[in-house]
Each structure stands twice: as structure tokens, then as C-alpha cells.
Amino acid sequence: MSNLTTPQIHAIGDWCAERGILPQRIDAADIKAACASLGIFLVGALSQYEVEAISDVCEDAAARGHEPLTVRARNFLLNRGEAWPQKRM
């Protein structure tokens, strides 16, 4: 299990939704591409639970029009003492 955090799962799901990937078709290659793009380092193999969680987030993101998580995710990270990732230019 790669032990992705909840914010990472949400970021990957949003990334997939923004690219129009169908939630039921998300596979390890899509997740690895998202991780490479987002700067998330995978340790170990992905679990089926993580793939399903990412698919659920992608489905929710597609339903809300690919709107990225902002305030809720930022507050979640700040409350955990983690830095909010900055966009690369």
C-alpha cells in the first residue's frame, strides 16, 4: 500500500477529473501520471482501496464541474501543520 494521504487522494481525483478521465476507468497508470504531475512520491504499490477512493473523488469532482478543492482542503492541511502546495509557473 502506498499510504496516500487524504489531501493527496483528493488532489489526484481532481487531477483526473480535470482531464476528463472516466472515474470507472482510472487505473494505476493514470494515478502514476497524476502523481508525477502533482509532485507526489509513491512508495509501494497502490491498494484497491486507494484506487476506489480516487475514483470516487474523481466522480464527485466531475459532478461539481471539476471545481478544485480550495478552502476546505487548505484548512485541512493547515490544521495538520502541512504547507499548502504552491502552483508551479
Protein backbone atom coordinates (compact mmCIF):
# COMPACT_ATOMS: atom_id res chain seq x y z
CA MET A 1 0.00 0.00 0.00
CA SER A 2 1.39 3.39 -0.93
CA ASN A 3 -0.27 5.17 2.01
CA LEU A 4 -1.58 8.23 0.16
CA THR A 5 -2.94 10.92 2.44
CA THR A 6 -6.50 12.19 2.13
CA PRO A 7 -5.38 15.51 0.55
CA GLN A 8 -3.26 13.57 -1.96
CA ILE A 9 -6.20 11.33 -2.86
CA HIS A 10 -8.35 14.43 -3.41
CA ALA A 11 -5.67 16.13 -5.49
CA ILE A 12 -5.25 13.04 -7.69
CA GLY A 13 -9.03 12.63 -8.10
CA ASP A 14 -9.38 16.30 -9.06
CA TRP A 15 -6.46 16.00 -11.50
CA CYS A 16 -8.14 13.03 -13.20
CA ALA A 17 -11.50 14.85 -13.37
CA GLU A 18 -9.90 17.95 -14.87
CA ARG A 19 -8.52 15.78 -17.67
CA GLY A 20 -11.85 14.10 -18.34
CA ILE A 21 -10.78 10.64 -17.22
CA LEU A 22 -13.84 8.49 -16.54
CA PRO A 23 -13.95 7.56 -12.83
CA GLN A 24 -14.68 3.88 -13.51
CA ARG A 25 -11.68 3.71 -15.88
CA ILE A 26 -8.98 5.13 -13.59
CA ASP A 27 -6.05 2.75 -13.32
CA ALA A 28 -2.54 2.71 -11.87
CA ALA A 29 -1.06 4.41 -14.95
CA ASP A 30 -3.45 7.37 -14.57
CA ILE A 31 -2.64 7.65 -10.87
CA LYS A 32 1.12 7.49 -11.52
CA ALA A 33 0.78 10.23 -14.17
CA ALA A 34 -1.19 12.38 -11.72
CA CYS A 35 1.41 11.82 -9.00
CA ALA A 36 4.24 12.78 -11.36
CA SER A 37 2.38 15.93 -12.39
CA LEU A 38 1.47 16.87 -8.81
CA GLY A 39 4.87 16.07 -7.31
CA ILE A 40 3.53 13.23 -5.15
CA PHE A 41 6.06 10.47 -4.47
CA LEU A 42 4.52 7.00 -4.42
CA VAL A 43 6.02 4.48 -2.01
CA GLY A 44 4.93 0.92 -2.60
CA ALA A 45 2.03 -0.41 -4.63
CA LEU A 46 -1.38 1.19 -4.82
CA SER A 47 -4.12 -0.60 -2.93
CA GLN A 48 -7.54 -1.28 -4.42
CA TYR A 49 -8.96 0.95 -1.65
CA GLU A 50 -6.85 3.90 -2.86
CA VAL A 51 -7.86 3.38 -6.49
CA GLU A 52 -11.54 3.25 -5.49
CA ALA A 53 -11.20 6.33 -3.27
CA ILE A 54 -9.56 8.27 -6.11
CA SER A 55 -12.33 7.12 -8.48
CA ASP A 56 -14.96 8.34 -6.00
CA VAL A 57 -13.25 11.74 -5.70
CA CYS A 58 -12.99 11.98 -9.49
CA GLU A 59 -16.70 11.20 -9.83
CA ASP A 60 -17.59 13.84 -7.24
CA ALA A 61 -15.30 16.39 -8.91
CA ALA A 62 -16.87 15.71 -12.31
CA ALA A 63 -20.34 16.14 -10.80
CA ARG A 64 -19.43 19.55 -9.40
CA GLY A 65 -17.88 20.69 -12.66
CA HIS A 66 -14.19 19.90 -11.98
CA GLU A 67 -14.10 22.53 -9.25
CA PRO A 68 -10.87 22.05 -7.29
CA LEU A 69 -10.90 21.79 -3.53
CA THR A 70 -9.71 25.06 -2.08
CA VAL A 71 -10.80 26.42 1.27
CA ARG A 72 -11.71 23.07 2.84
CA ALA A 73 -8.52 21.37 1.67
CA ARG A 74 -6.36 24.35 2.62
CA ASN A 75 -7.85 24.44 6.13
CA PHE A 76 -7.42 20.68 6.47
CA LEU A 77 -3.72 20.91 5.59
CA LEU A 78 -3.09 23.95 7.76
CA ASN A 79 -4.78 22.28 10.75
CA ARG A 80 -2.44 19.31 10.31
CA GLY A 81 0.57 21.62 10.16
CA GLU A 82 1.29 20.88 6.50
CA ALA A 83 2.11 23.50 3.90
CA TRP A 84 -0.36 24.31 1.14
CA PRO A 85 1.23 23.35 -2.21
CA GLN A 86 2.02 26.31 -4.43
CA LYS A 87 1.26 26.28 -8.14
CA ARG A 88 4.26 25.97 -10.39
CA MET A 89 4.68 28.63 -13.03
